[in-house]
Every structure is written in C-alpha cells, then in structure tokens.
PDB file of N, CA and C in Angstrom:
ATOM      1  N   UNK A   1     -40.748 -48.599  -0.014  1.00  0.00           N
ATOM      2  CA  UNK A   1     -39.798 -48.343   0.707  1.00  0.00           C
ATOM      3  C   UNK A   1     -38.599 -47.749   0.197  1.00  0.00           C
ATOM      4  N   UNK A   2     -38.295 -48.411  -1.160  1.00  0.00           N
ATOM      5  CA  UNK A   2     -37.115 -47.961  -2.283  1.00  0.00           C
ATOM      6  C   UNK A   2     -37.524 -46.726  -2.565  1.00  0.00           C
ATOM      7  N   UNK A   3     -38.833 -46.384  -2.733  1.00  0.00           N
ATOM      8  CA  UNK A   3     -39.153 -45.101  -3.141  1.00  0.00           C
ATOM      9  C   UNK A   3     -38.849 -43.902  -2.048  1.00  0.00           C
ATOM     10  N   UNK A   4     -38.902 -43.941  -1.030  1.00  0.00           N
ATOM     11  CA  UNK A   4     -38.708 -43.400   0.038  1.00  0.00           C
ATOM     12  C   UNK A   4     -37.257 -43.113   0.249  1.00  0.00           C
ATOM     13  N   UNK A   5     -36.409 -44.201   0.077  1.00  0.00           N
ATOM     14  CA  UNK A   5     -35.187 -43.882   0.164  1.00  0.00           C
ATOM     15  C   UNK A   5     -34.572 -43.095  -0.933  1.00  0.00           C
ATOM     16  N   UNK A   6     -35.069 -43.286  -2.059  1.00  0.00           N
ATOM     17  CA  UNK A   6     -34.615 -42.483  -3.416  1.00  0.00           C
ATOM     18  C   UNK A   6     -34.968 -40.924  -2.930  1.00  0.00           C
ATOM     19  N   UNK A   7     -36.251 -40.738  -2.563  1.00  0.00           N
ATOM     20  CA  UNK A   7     -36.702 -39.282  -2.479  1.00  0.00           C
ATOM     21  C   UNK A   7     -35.658 -38.919  -1.057  1.00  0.00           C
ATOM     22  N   UNK A   8     -35.478 -39.478   0.029  1.00  0.00           N
ATOM     23  CA  UNK A   8     -34.472 -38.798   0.846  1.00  0.00           C
ATOM     24  C   UNK A   8     -33.110 -38.619   0.472  1.00  0.00           C
ATOM     25  N   UNK A   9     -32.484 -39.411  -0.564  1.00  0.00           N
ATOM     26  CA  UNK A   9     -31.289 -39.271  -1.128  1.00  0.00           C
ATOM     27  C   UNK A   9     -31.215 -38.155  -1.866  1.00  0.00           C
ATOM     28  N   UNK A  10     -32.503 -37.877  -2.666  1.00  0.00           N
ATOM     29  CA  UNK A  10     -32.535 -36.807  -3.409  1.00  0.00           C
ATOM     30  C   UNK A  10     -32.741 -35.587  -2.922  1.00  0.00           C
ATOM     31  N   UNK A  11     -33.415 -35.633  -1.690  1.00  0.00           N
ATOM     32  CA  UNK A  11     -33.502 -34.233  -0.936  1.00  0.00           C
ATOM     33  C   UNK A  11     -32.136 -34.020  -0.179  1.00  0.00           C
ATOM     34  N   UNK A  12     -31.433 -35.099   0.342  1.00  0.00           N
ATOM     35  CA  UNK A  12     -30.154 -34.764   0.800  1.00  0.00           C
ATOM     36  C   UNK A  12     -28.981 -34.053  -0.268  1.00  0.00           C
ATOM     37  N   UNK A  13     -29.191 -34.633  -1.289  1.00  0.00           N
ATOM     38  CA  UNK A  13     -28.171 -34.010  -2.386  1.00  0.00           C
ATOM     39  C   UNK A  13     -28.536 -32.615  -2.831  1.00  0.00           C
ATOM     40  N   UNK A  14     -29.983 -32.182  -2.660  1.00  0.00           N
ATOM     41  CA  UNK A  14     -30.202 -30.915  -2.914  1.00  0.00           C
ATOM     42  C   UNK A  14     -29.609 -30.274  -1.719  1.00  0.00           C
ATOM     43  N   UNK A  15     -29.954 -30.614  -0.404  1.00  0.00           N
ATOM     44  CA  UNK A  15     -29.476 -29.707   0.417  1.00  0.00           C
ATOM     45  C   UNK A  15     -27.828 -29.322   0.413  1.00  0.00           C
ATOM     46  N   UNK A  16     -27.106 -30.439  -0.056  1.00  0.00           N
ATOM     47  CA  UNK A  16     -25.907 -30.243   0.067  1.00  0.00           C
ATOM     48  C   UNK A  16     -25.528 -29.426  -1.187  1.00  0.00           C
ATOM     49  N   UNK A  17     -26.027 -29.458  -2.100  1.00  0.00           N
ATOM     50  CA  UNK A  17     -25.837 -28.550  -3.433  1.00  0.00           C
ATOM     51  C   UNK A  17     -26.254 -27.164  -3.079  1.00  0.00           C
ATOM     52  N   UNK A  18     -27.352 -26.886  -2.433  1.00  0.00           N
ATOM     53  CA  UNK A  18     -27.782 -25.613  -2.027  1.00  0.00           C
ATOM     54  C   UNK A  18     -26.932 -24.939  -1.206  1.00  0.00           C
ATOM     55  N   UNK A  19     -26.432 -25.732  -0.040  1.00  0.00           N
ATOM     56  CA  UNK A  19     -25.409 -25.200   0.865  1.00  0.00           C
ATOM     57  C   UNK A  19     -24.170 -24.651   0.294  1.00  0.00           C
ATOM     58  N   UNK A  20     -23.699 -25.591  -0.628  1.00  0.00           N
ATOM     59  CA  UNK A  20     -22.576 -25.202  -1.569  1.00  0.00           C
ATOM     60  C   UNK A  20     -22.819 -23.944  -2.360  1.00  0.00           C
ATOM     61  N   UNK A  21     -23.805 -23.951  -2.960  1.00  0.00           N
ATOM     62  CA  UNK A  21     -23.915 -22.729  -3.805  1.00  0.00           C
ATOM     63  C   UNK A  21     -24.123 -21.478  -3.075  1.00  0.00           C
ATOM     64  N   UNK A  22     -24.527 -21.340  -2.130  1.00  0.00           N
ATOM     65  CA  UNK A  22     -24.512 -20.559  -0.714  1.00  0.00           C
ATOM     66  C   UNK A  22     -23.129 -20.147  -0.470  1.00  0.00           C
ATOM     67  N   UNK A  23     -22.557 -20.871  -0.046  1.00  0.00           N
ATOM     68  CA  UNK A  23     -21.021 -20.529   0.277  1.00  0.00           C
ATOM     69  C   UNK A  23     -20.157 -20.093  -0.885  1.00  0.00           C
ATOM     70  N   UNK A  24     -20.420 -20.409  -1.969  1.00  0.00           N
ATOM     71  CA  UNK A  24     -19.727 -20.193  -3.356  1.00  0.00           C
ATOM     72  C   UNK A  24     -20.058 -18.485  -3.738  1.00  0.00           C
ATOM     73  N   UNK A  25     -21.156 -18.046  -3.193  1.00  0.00           N
ATOM     74  CA  UNK A  25     -21.859 -16.472  -3.446  1.00  0.00           C
ATOM     75  C   UNK A  25     -20.972 -15.703  -2.660  1.00  0.00           C
ATOM     76  N   UNK A  26     -20.945 -16.272  -1.381  1.00  0.00           N
ATOM     77  CA  UNK A  26     -19.965 -15.457  -0.492  1.00  0.00           C
ATOM     78  C   UNK A  26     -18.719 -14.886  -0.729  1.00  0.00           C
ATOM     79  N   UNK A  27     -18.041 -15.616  -1.760  1.00  0.00           N
ATOM     80  CA  UNK A  27     -16.667 -15.387  -2.110  1.00  0.00           C
ATOM     81  C   UNK A  27     -16.656 -14.273  -3.026  1.00  0.00           C
ATOM     82  N   UNK A  28     -15.676 -13.250  -2.998  1.00  0.00           N
ATOM     83  CA  UNK A  28     -15.443 -12.149  -3.770  1.00  0.00           C
ATOM     84  C   UNK A  28     -15.327 -12.481  -5.141  1.00  0.00           C
ATOM     85  N   UNK A  29     -15.689 -11.401  -6.025  1.00  0.00           N
ATOM     86  CA  UNK A  29     -15.907 -11.635  -7.526  1.00  0.00           C
ATOM     87  C   UNK A  29     -14.486 -11.870  -8.029  1.00  0.00           C
ATOM     88  N   UNK A  30     -13.359 -11.324  -7.411  1.00  0.00           N
ATOM     89  CA  UNK A  30     -12.164 -11.231  -8.093  1.00  0.00           C
ATOM     90  C   UNK A  30     -11.075 -12.369  -7.799  1.00  0.00           C
ATOM     91  N   UNK A  31     -11.853 -13.548  -7.802  1.00  0.00           N
ATOM     92  CA  UNK A  31     -10.877 -14.822  -7.401  1.00  0.00           C
ATOM     93  C   UNK A  31     -10.326 -15.445  -8.712  1.00  0.00           C
ATOM     94  N   UNK A  32      -9.003 -15.606  -8.673  1.00  0.00           N
ATOM     95  CA  UNK A  32      -8.479 -16.127  -9.832  1.00  0.00           C
ATOM     96  C   UNK A  32      -7.694 -14.743 -10.803  1.00  0.00           C
ATOM     97  N   UNK A  33      -8.101 -13.687 -10.176  1.00  0.00           N
ATOM     98  CA  UNK A  33      -7.436 -12.398 -10.689  1.00  0.00           C
ATOM     99  C   UNK A  33      -6.094 -11.818  -9.996  1.00  0.00           C
ATOM    100  N   UNK A  34      -5.373 -11.029 -10.614  1.00  0.00           N
ATOM    101  CA  UNK A  34      -4.153 -10.585  -9.848  1.00  0.00           C
ATOM    102  C   UNK A  34      -4.714  -9.617  -8.783  1.00  0.00           C
ATOM    103  N   UNK A  35      -4.294  -9.507  -7.694  1.00  0.00           N
ATOM    104  CA  UNK A  35      -4.897  -8.446  -6.721  1.00  0.00           C
ATOM    105  C   UNK A  35      -4.401  -6.895  -7.347  1.00  0.00           C
ATOM    106  N   UNK A  36      -5.192  -6.219  -7.051  1.00  0.00           N
ATOM    107  CA  UNK A  36      -5.135  -4.549  -7.294  1.00  0.00           C
ATOM    108  C   UNK A  36      -3.690  -3.859  -6.664  1.00  0.00           C
ATOM    109  N   UNK A  37      -3.018  -3.187  -7.970  1.00  0.00           N
ATOM    110  CA  UNK A  37      -1.762  -2.802  -7.416  1.00  0.00           C
ATOM    111  C   UNK A  37      -1.886  -1.616  -6.380  1.00  0.00           C
ATOM    112  N   UNK A  38      -1.137  -1.179  -5.401  1.00  0.00           N
ATOM    113  CA  UNK A  38      -1.286  -0.286  -4.404  1.00  0.00           C
ATOM    114  C   UNK A  38      -0.978   1.049  -5.463  1.00  0.00           C
ATOM    115  N   UNK A  39      -1.609   2.303  -5.231  1.00  0.00           N
ATOM    116  CA  UNK A  39      -1.252   3.493  -5.841  1.00  0.00           C
ATOM    117  C   UNK A  39       0.108   4.001  -5.280  1.00  0.00           C
ATOM    118  N   UNK A  40       1.186   4.172  -6.032  1.00  0.00           N
ATOM    119  CA  UNK A  40       2.384   5.172  -5.279  1.00  0.00           C
ATOM    120  C   UNK A  40       1.932   6.203  -4.933  1.00  0.00           C
ATOM    121  N   UNK A  41       2.733   6.795  -3.975  1.00  0.00           N
ATOM    122  CA  UNK A  41       2.463   7.941  -3.310  1.00  0.00           C
ATOM    123  C   UNK A  41       2.728   9.050  -4.215  1.00  0.00           C
ATOM    124  N   UNK A  42       1.912  10.122  -4.171  1.00  0.00           N
ATOM    125  CA  UNK A  42       1.846  10.996  -5.317  1.00  0.00           C
ATOM    126  C   UNK A  42       3.195  12.135  -4.702  1.00  0.00           C
ATOM    127  N   UNK A  43       3.747  12.769  -5.552  1.00  0.00           N
ATOM    128  CA  UNK A  43       4.844  13.527  -5.661  1.00  0.00           C
ATOM    129  C   UNK A  43       4.495  14.972  -4.882  1.00  0.00           C
ATOM    130  N   UNK A  44       5.096  15.329  -3.891  1.00  0.00           N
ATOM    131  CA  UNK A  44       4.864  16.652  -3.563  1.00  0.00           C
ATOM    132  C   UNK A  44       5.790  17.714  -3.726  1.00  0.00           C
ATOM    133  N   UNK A  45       5.147  19.174  -3.537  1.00  0.00           N
ATOM    134  CA  UNK A  45       6.206  20.346  -3.689  1.00  0.00           C
ATOM    135  C   UNK A  45       7.097  20.574  -2.511  1.00  0.00           C
ATOM    136  N   UNK A  46       8.234  20.797  -2.464  1.00  0.00           N
ATOM    137  CA  UNK A  46       8.694  21.213  -1.017  1.00  0.00           C
ATOM    138  C   UNK A  46       7.734  22.200  -0.368  1.00  0.00           C
ATOM    139  N   UNK A  47       7.134  22.995  -0.999  1.00  0.00           N
ATOM    140  CA  UNK A  47       6.590  24.089  -0.210  1.00  0.00           C
ATOM    141  C   UNK A  47       5.148  23.478   0.547  1.00  0.00           C
ATOM    142  N   UNK A  48       4.773  22.048  -0.028  1.00  0.00           N
ATOM    143  CA  UNK A  48       3.851  21.771   0.844  1.00  0.00           C
ATOM    144  C   UNK A  48       4.078  20.889   2.326  1.00  0.00           C
ATOM    145  N   UNK A  49       5.339  20.788   2.239  1.00  0.00           N
ATOM    146  CA  UNK A  49       5.842  20.414   3.432  1.00  0.00           C
ATOM    147  C   UNK A  49       5.861  21.194   4.726  1.00  0.00           C
ATOM    148  N   UNK A  50       5.820  20.698   6.037  1.00  0.00           N
ATOM    149  CA  UNK A  50       6.014  21.789   7.169  1.00  0.00           C
ATOM    150  C   UNK A  50       7.257  22.313   7.243  1.00  0.00           C
ATOM    151  N   UNK A  51       7.449  23.569   7.750  1.00  0.00           N
ATOM    152  CA  UNK A  51       8.496  24.424   7.569  1.00  0.00           C
ATOM    153  C   UNK A  51       9.820  23.915   7.912  1.00  0.00           C
ATOM    154  N   UNK A  52       9.616  23.239   9.122  1.00  0.00           N
ATOM    155  CA  UNK A  52      10.967  22.384   9.537  1.00  0.00           C
ATOM    156  C   UNK A  52      11.516  21.522   8.600  1.00  0.00           C
ATOM    157  N   UNK A  53      10.693  20.900   8.047  1.00  0.00           N
ATOM    158  CA  UNK A  53      11.144  19.776   6.921  1.00  0.00           C
ATOM    159  C   UNK A  53      11.750  20.514   5.832  1.00  0.00           C
ATOM    160  N   UNK A  54      10.884  21.569   5.421  1.00  0.00           N
ATOM    161  CA  UNK A  54      11.378  22.320   4.201  1.00  0.00           C
ATOM    162  C   UNK A  54      12.893  22.723   4.366  1.00  0.00           C
ATOM    163  N   UNK A  55      13.171  23.386   5.472  1.00  0.00           N
ATOM    164  CA  UNK A  55      14.352  23.880   5.792  1.00  0.00           C
ATOM    165  C   UNK A  55      15.446  22.692   5.738  1.00  0.00           C
ATOM    166  N   UNK A  56      15.181  22.057   6.428  1.00  0.00           N
ATOM    167  CA  UNK A  56      16.422  20.643   6.511  1.00  0.00           C
ATOM    168  C   UNK A  56      16.497  20.196   5.039  1.00  0.00           C
ATOM    169  N   UNK A  57      15.605  19.879   4.259  1.00  0.00           N
ATOM    170  CA  UNK A  57      15.961  19.668   3.139  1.00  0.00           C
ATOM    171  C   UNK A  57      16.461  20.053   2.022  1.00  0.00           C
ATOM    172  N   UNK A  58      16.098  21.779   2.190  1.00  0.00           N
ATOM    173  CA  UNK A  58      17.148  22.740   1.628  1.00  0.00           C
ATOM    174  C   UNK A  58      18.356  22.728   1.875  1.00  0.00           C
ATOM    175  N   UNK A  59      18.706  22.511   3.171  1.00  0.00           N
ATOM    176  CA  UNK A  59      20.190  22.656   3.684  1.00  0.00           C
ATOM    177  C   UNK A  59      20.883  21.336   3.237  1.00  0.00           C
ATOM    178  N   UNK A  60      20.161  20.344   2.960  1.00  0.00           N
ATOM    179  CA  UNK A  60      20.679  19.440   2.400  1.00  0.00           C
ATOM    180  C   UNK A  60      21.275  19.306   1.009  1.00  0.00           C
ATOM    181  N   UNK A  61      20.543  19.988   0.200  1.00  0.00           N
ATOM    182  CA  UNK A  61      21.010  20.113  -1.273  1.00  0.00           C
ATOM    183  C   UNK A  61      19.775  20.391  -2.235  1.00  0.00           C
ATOM    184  N   UNK A  62      19.659  20.163  -3.311  1.00  0.00           N
ATOM    185  CA  UNK A  62      18.640  20.587  -4.256  1.00  0.00           C
ATOM    186  C   UNK A  62      17.724  19.249  -4.470  1.00  0.00           C
ATOM    187  N   UNK A  63      16.214  19.735  -3.996  1.00  0.00           N
ATOM    188  CA  UNK A  63      15.429  18.666  -3.855  1.00  0.00           C
ATOM    189  C   UNK A  63      14.840  18.417  -5.085  1.00  0.00           C
ATOM    190  N   UNK A  64      14.986  17.135  -5.770  1.00  0.00           N
ATOM    191  CA  UNK A  64      14.209  16.836  -7.179  1.00  0.00           C
ATOM    192  C   UNK A  64      12.842  16.300  -6.803  1.00  0.00           C
ATOM    193  N   UNK A  65      12.474  15.490  -5.755  1.00  0.00           N
ATOM    194  CA  UNK A  65      11.481  14.763  -5.436  1.00  0.00           C
ATOM    195  C   UNK A  65      11.127  14.664  -4.344  1.00  0.00           C
ATOM    196  N   UNK A  66       9.800  14.415  -3.645  1.00  0.00           N
ATOM    197  CA  UNK A  66       9.404  14.420  -2.166  1.00  0.00           C
ATOM    198  C   UNK A  66       7.862  13.397  -2.307  1.00  0.00           C
ATOM    199  N   UNK A  67       8.227  12.523  -1.343  1.00  0.00           N
ATOM    200  CA  UNK A  67       6.844  11.728  -1.166  1.00  0.00           C
ATOM    201  C   UNK A  67       6.674  11.623   0.328  1.00  0.00           C
ATOM    202  N   UNK A  68       5.255  11.368   0.590  1.00  0.00           N
ATOM    203  CA  UNK A  68       5.090  11.233   2.114  1.00  0.00           C
ATOM    204  C   UNK A  68       4.853   9.868   2.238  1.00  0.00           C
ATOM    205  N   UNK A  69       5.531   9.408   3.369  1.00  0.00           N
ATOM    206  CA  UNK A  69       5.364   7.644   3.519  1.00  0.00           C
ATOM    207  C   UNK A  69       4.872   7.606   5.075  1.00  0.00           C
ATOM    208  N   UNK A  70       4.284   6.758   5.531  1.00  0.00           N
ATOM    209  CA  UNK A  70       3.871   6.498   6.958  1.00  0.00           C
ATOM    210  C   UNK A  70       5.162   5.544   7.586  1.00  0.00           C
ATOM    211  N   UNK A  71       5.617   5.934   8.657  1.00  0.00           N
ATOM    212  CA  UNK A  71       6.782   4.971   9.049  1.00  0.00           C
ATOM    213  C   UNK A  71       6.342   5.135  10.857  1.00  0.00           C
ATOM    214  N   UNK A  72       6.173   3.929  11.089  1.00  0.00           N
ATOM    215  CA  UNK A  72       5.853   3.747  12.724  1.00  0.00           C
ATOM    216  C   UNK A  72       4.628   4.583  12.896  1.00  0.00           C
ATOM    217  N   UNK A  73       3.801   4.825  12.241  1.00  0.00           N
ATOM    218  CA  UNK A  73       2.388   5.628  12.837  1.00  0.00           C
ATOM    219  C   UNK A  73       2.478   7.128  12.389  1.00  0.00           C
ATOM    220  N   UNK A  74       3.827   7.377  11.894  1.00  0.00           N
ATOM    221  CA  UNK A  74       4.172   8.998  11.813  1.00  0.00           C
ATOM    222  C   UNK A  74       4.232   9.351  10.351  1.00  0.00           C
ATOM    223  N   UNK A  75       3.902  10.495   9.948  1.00  0.00           N
ATOM    224  CA  UNK A  75       4.626  10.960   8.920  1.00  0.00           C
ATOM    225  C   UNK A  75       5.938  11.221   8.501  1.00  0.00           C
ATOM    226  N   UNK A  76       6.252  10.459   7.672  1.00  0.00           N
ATOM    227  CA  UNK A  76       7.879  10.804   7.224  1.00  0.00           C
ATOM    228  C   UNK A  76       7.763  11.179   5.704  1.00  0.00           C
ATOM    229  N   UNK A  77       8.383  12.218   5.293  1.00  0.00           N
ATOM    230  CA  UNK A  77       8.869  12.718   4.047  1.00  0.00           C
ATOM    231  C   UNK A  77      10.329  12.298   3.431  1.00  0.00           C
ATOM    232  N   UNK A  78      10.233  11.492   2.227  1.00  0.00           N
ATOM    233  CA  UNK A  78      11.424  10.716   1.637  1.00  0.00           C
ATOM    234  C   UNK A  78      11.682  11.606   0.574  1.00  0.00           C
ATOM    235  N   UNK A  79      12.771  12.068   0.431  1.00  0.00           N
ATOM    236  CA  UNK A  79      13.120  13.148  -0.671  1.00  0.00           C
ATOM    237  C   UNK A  79      14.387  12.595  -1.518  1.00  0.00           C
ATOM    238  N   UNK A  80      14.706  12.878  -2.642  1.00  0.00           N
ATOM    239  CA  UNK A  80      15.424  12.873  -3.492  1.00  0.00           C
ATOM    240  C   UNK A  80      16.392  14.293  -3.530  1.00  0.00           C
ATOM    241  N   UNK A  81      17.629  14.010  -3.121  1.00  0.00           N
ATOM    242  CA  UNK A  81      18.378  15.536  -3.176  1.00  0.00           C
ATOM    243  C   UNK A  81      19.445  15.197  -4.055  1.00  0.00           C
ATOM    244  N   UNK A  82      19.765  16.067  -4.327  1.00  0.00           N
ATOM    245  CA  UNK A  82      21.314  16.303  -5.569  1.00  0.00           C
ATOM    246  C   UNK A  82      22.352  17.393  -4.760  1.00  0.00           C
ATOM    247  N   UNK A  83      23.574  16.909  -4.559  1.00  0.00           N
ATOM    248  CA  UNK A  83      24.450  17.659  -3.908  1.00  0.00           C
ATOM    249  C   UNK A  83      26.020  17.269  -4.617  1.00  0.00           C
ATOM    250  N   UNK A  84      26.604  18.079  -4.884  1.00  0.00           N
ATOM    251  CA  UNK A  84      28.095  17.917  -5.573  1.00  0.00           C
ATOM    252  C   UNK A  84      27.836  16.698  -6.547  1.00  0.00           C
ATOM    253  N   UNK A  85      27.059  16.810  -7.295  1.00  0.00           N
ATOM    254  CA  UNK A  85      27.008  15.754  -8.468  1.00  0.00           C
ATOM    255  C   UNK A  85      26.468  14.302  -8.179  1.00  0.00           C
ATOM    256  N   UNK A  86      25.994  14.026  -6.920  1.00  0.00           N
ATOM    257  CA  UNK A  86      25.740  12.720  -6.258  1.00  0.00           C
ATOM    258  C   UNK A  86      24.310  12.919  -6.022  1.00  0.00           C
ATOM    259  N   UNK A  87      23.570  11.920  -5.656  1.00  0.00           N
ATOM    260  CA  UNK A  87      21.828  11.755  -5.691  1.00  0.00           C
ATOM    261  C   UNK A  87      21.875  11.242  -4.220  1.00  0.00           C
ATOM    262  N   UNK A  88      21.129  11.540  -3.339  1.00  0.00           N
ATOM    263  CA  UNK A  88      20.971  10.980  -2.055  1.00  0.00           C
ATOM    264  C   UNK A  88      19.443  10.814  -1.630  1.00  0.00           C
ATOM    265  N   UNK A  89      19.302  10.077  -1.015  1.00  0.00           N
ATOM    266  CA  UNK A  89      17.838   9.436  -0.513  1.00  0.00           C
ATOM    267  C   UNK A  89      17.567  10.183   0.916  1.00  0.00           C
ATOM    268  N   UNK A  90      17.090  11.180   1.498  1.00  0.00           N
ATOM    269  CA  UNK A  90      16.791  11.523   2.731  1.00  0.00           C
ATOM    270  C   UNK A  90      15.369  11.192   3.412  1.00  0.00           C
ATOM    271  N   UNK A  91      15.155  10.848   4.476  1.00  0.00           N
ATOM    272  CA  UNK A  91      14.050  10.757   5.091  1.00  0.00           C
ATOM    273  C   UNK A  91      13.836  11.884   6.148  1.00  0.00           C
ATOM    274  N   UNK A  92      13.241  12.404   6.432  1.00  0.00           N
ATOM    275  CA  UNK A  92      12.939  13.664   7.412  1.00  0.00           C
ATOM    276  C   UNK A  92      11.391  13.639   8.001  1.00  0.00           C
ATOM    277  N   UNK A  93      11.277  13.904   8.881  1.00  0.00           N
ATOM    278  CA  UNK A  93      10.032  14.102   9.911  1.00  0.00           C
ATOM    279  C   UNK A  93       9.587  15.659   9.931  1.00  0.00           C
ATOM    280  N   UNK A  94       8.408  15.581   9.905  1.00  0.00           N
ATOM    281  CA  UNK A  94       7.798  16.936   9.983  1.00  0.00           C
ATOM    282  C   UNK A  94       8.356  18.248  10.947  1.00  0.00           C
ATOM    283  N   UNK A  95       9.112  17.653  11.737  1.00  0.00           N
ATOM    284  CA  UNK A  95       9.986  18.767  12.648  1.00  0.00           C
ATOM    285  C   UNK A  95      11.167  18.885  12.139  1.00  0.00           C
ATOM    286  N   UNK A  96      11.472  18.058  11.305  1.00  0.00           N
ATOM    287  CA  UNK A  96      12.903  18.601  10.643  1.00  0.00           C
ATOM    288  C   UNK A  96      13.776  17.494  10.841  1.00  0.00           C
ATOM    289  N   UNK A  97      13.777  16.587  11.754  1.00  0.00           N
ATOM    290  CA  UNK A  97      14.649  15.540  12.088  1.00  0.00           C
ATOM    291  C   UNK A  97      14.937  14.461  11.165  1.00  0.00           C
ATOM    292  N   UNK A  98      16.263  14.509  10.677  1.00  0.00           N
ATOM    293  CA  UNK A  98      16.732  13.419   9.569  1.00  0.00           C
ATOM    294  C   UNK A  98      16.781  12.084  10.152  1.00  0.00           C
ATOM    295  N   UNK A  99      16.109  11.067   9.618  1.00  0.00           N
ATOM    296  CA  UNK A  99      15.829   9.391  10.189  1.00  0.00           C
ATOM    297  C   UNK A  99      17.030   8.709   9.324  1.00  0.00           C
ATOM    298  N   UNK A 100      16.904   9.075   8.225  1.00  0.00           N
ATOM    299  CA  UNK A 100      18.154   8.194   7.427  1.00  0.00           C
ATOM    300  C   UNK A 100      18.625   9.282   6.147  1.00  0.00           C
ATOM    301  N   UNK A 101      19.990   8.940   5.901  1.00  0.00           N
ATOM    302  CA  UNK A 101      20.470   9.603   4.681  1.00  0.00           C
ATOM    303  C   UNK A 101      21.335   8.463   3.987  1.00  0.00           C
ATOM    304  N   UNK A 102      21.012   8.245   2.658  1.00  0.00           N
ATOM    305  CA  UNK A 102      21.731   7.064   1.929  1.00  0.00           C
ATOM    306  C   UNK A 102      21.749   7.520   0.544  1.00  0.00           C
ATOM    307  N   UNK A 103      23.003   7.296  -0.094  1.00  0.00           N
ATOM    308  CA  UNK A 103      23.075   7.426  -1.385  1.00  0.00           C
ATOM    309  C   UNK A 103      22.165   6.855  -2.448  1.00  0.00           C
ATOM    310  N   UNK A 104      21.580   7.377  -3.315  1.00  0.00           N
ATOM    311  CA  UNK A 104      20.443   6.903  -4.061  1.00  0.00           C
ATOM    312  C   UNK A 104      20.905   5.958  -4.984  1.00  0.00           C
ATOM    313  N   UNK A 105      20.102   4.842  -5.127  1.00  0.00           N
ATOM    314  CA  UNK A 105      20.423   3.658  -6.197  1.00  0.00           C
ATOM    315  C   UNK A 105      20.138   4.055  -7.378  1.00  0.00           C
ATOM    316  N   UNK A 106      21.415   3.777  -8.336  1.00  0.00           N
ATOM    317  CA  UNK A 106      21.210   4.129  -9.878  1.00  0.00           C
ATOM    318  C   UNK A 106      20.716   3.272 -10.577  1.00  0.00           C
TER     319      UNK A 106
END
C-alpha cells in the first residue's frame, strides 16, 4: 500500500511539472527584455504630399520637415515650418485643411 501511494504521488508530481513546462513554452521568448521601440515616421518630401496639402504648407512658410501621422483614422501631415525667423509645427490634412498650428518647442 505504501508503494502504491508513493507511485501515485510521483505520477502526480510528474503531471504537474509537465503541465507547468507546457505553459512555460507558450510564453514569448522576449520576457524580461525591453519592448522593441517603434520606428519613427520617415520624413517626406513636400512633393510627395497631395497637391492641396502642398499648397497649404507652402503658403504657411518654408517647409523644413514633413512626417505622416495617423489621427482619428485619417492621414495627417505634420510639418515644421519657418516664417519670419520663427519655427512652427503645422498639422494639415490631405485636402489642405489646417488642424493645428503651434510654435515649435525649442
């Protein structure tokens, strides 16, 4: 009777260890490592934008940088513009609508 109790205990231990091992294999391999950084949006040339967005940004001033961002499910272009010795950040849609205009942070 003692032998069958020890056999049952050993079998139960193996089952628990096996279940724990299987659950451990399901985990992603990068646990304990920092999350990968998201890639910054690539800079665009003004000529790559829709015509209406190009015209609006060129009216605002000299465009030095443009990136495409997604805002509320749509494409928005965020540009850094220089005018009268000051830098501005302007967000414009593809149809040329200005969403925001702010002084650029220095």
